[in-house]
Amino acid sequence: MAGYLAAVDGLGMEELFFLATDIPCDESWCAENRDNAAVIRAAGKLVLAVDYATEAANIASCSPTSPCAAVPYVSIRNFG
């Protein structure tokens, strides 16, 4: 990952915590994404996260104090 870290200023990821919409992201790839985001953040890089939630508790849980310290943005998916 060292070469990758040297090449990027930051990272934007969708669905770190919630899949569309309000479905907890508990698949193995979700945990892997959060772990990778934490490594990138620990290297001093910006991590932006977009999650899809409408329930207040879910929105509140998408926090910059999460282990990956992502800058959160919570929205809805609207394909219509």
Protein backbone atom coordinates (compact mmCIF):
# COMPACT_ATOMS: atom_id res chain seq x y z
CA MET A 1 0.00 0.00 0.00
CA ALA A 2 3.00 2.31 0.39
CA GLY A 3 3.12 3.09 -3.34
CA TYR A 4 -0.60 3.81 -3.36
CA LEU A 5 -0.34 6.11 -0.32
CA ALA A 6 2.42 8.10 -1.99
CA ALA A 7 0.29 8.55 -5.11
CA VAL A 8 -2.95 9.85 -3.53
CA ASP A 9 -3.97 12.93 -1.58
CA GLY A 10 -7.13 11.35 -0.24
CA LEU A 11 -9.94 8.92 -0.86
CA GLY A 12 -13.69 9.08 -1.35
CA MET A 13 -15.75 5.99 -0.57
CA GLU A 14 -19.43 5.11 -0.62
CA GLU A 15 -21.21 2.86 1.82
CA LEU A 16 -18.62 2.56 4.56
CA PHE A 17 -21.31 2.14 7.21
CA PHE A 18 -24.71 1.93 5.48
CA LEU A 19 -25.83 0.55 2.15
CA ALA A 20 -28.72 2.24 0.39
CA THR A 21 -30.77 2.92 2.41
CA ASP A 22 -30.32 2.34 6.18
CA ILE A 23 -28.97 -1.20 5.66
CA PRO A 24 -25.93 -1.72 7.90
CA CYS A 25 -22.84 -2.42 5.85
CA ASP A 26 -21.70 -5.61 7.57
CA GLU A 27 -20.34 -7.54 4.60
CA SER A 28 -16.68 -8.56 4.76
CA TRP A 29 -15.82 -6.03 2.06
CA CYS A 30 -17.31 -3.27 4.23
CA ALA A 31 -14.90 -4.06 7.05
CA GLU A 32 -12.02 -4.25 4.56
CA ASN A 33 -12.97 -0.82 3.17
CA ARG A 34 -13.10 0.66 6.67
CA ASP A 35 -9.71 -0.86 7.52
CA ASN A 36 -8.19 0.53 4.32
CA ALA A 37 -9.73 3.94 5.00
CA ALA A 38 -8.19 3.89 8.49
CA VAL A 39 -4.74 3.20 7.04
CA ILE A 40 -5.13 6.04 4.55
CA ARG A 41 -6.32 8.40 7.29
CA ALA A 42 -3.44 7.35 9.58
CA ALA A 43 -1.09 8.41 6.77
CA GLY A 44 -2.52 11.92 7.07
CA LYS A 45 -4.70 11.70 3.96
CA LEU A 46 -8.27 12.95 3.67
CA VAL A 47 -11.00 10.29 3.70
CA LEU A 48 -14.49 11.27 2.52
CA ALA A 49 -17.40 8.89 3.09
CA VAL A 50 -20.87 8.90 1.55
CA ASP A 51 -23.44 6.73 3.28
CA TYR A 52 -27.14 6.35 2.54
CA ALA A 53 -29.40 6.67 5.56
CA THR A 54 -32.59 8.39 6.63
CA GLU A 55 -32.99 7.13 10.22
CA ALA A 56 -31.64 9.64 12.77
CA ALA A 57 -29.63 7.05 14.73
CA ASN A 58 -27.96 5.82 11.54
CA ILE A 59 -27.14 9.34 10.41
CA ALA A 60 -25.66 10.16 13.82
CA SER A 61 -23.49 7.03 13.76
CA CYS A 62 -21.70 8.21 10.60
CA SER A 63 -19.23 10.30 12.51
CA PRO A 64 -15.76 11.76 11.99
CA THR A 65 -14.86 10.04 15.27
CA SER A 66 -15.32 6.63 13.64
CA PRO A 67 -12.22 4.41 13.55
CA CYS A 68 -11.45 5.43 9.98
CA ALA A 69 -11.97 9.14 10.85
CA ALA A 70 -13.73 9.77 7.56
CA VAL A 71 -15.43 13.07 6.84
CA PRO A 72 -19.03 11.86 6.63
CA TYR A 73 -21.78 12.85 4.24
CA VAL A 74 -25.13 11.13 4.59
CA SER A 75 -27.75 11.29 1.85
CA ILE A 76 -30.37 9.24 0.08
CA ARG A 77 -30.13 7.48 -3.25
CA ASN A 78 -32.72 8.74 -5.68
CA PHE A 79 -32.80 7.01 -9.03
CA GLY A 80 -36.19 8.36 -10.05
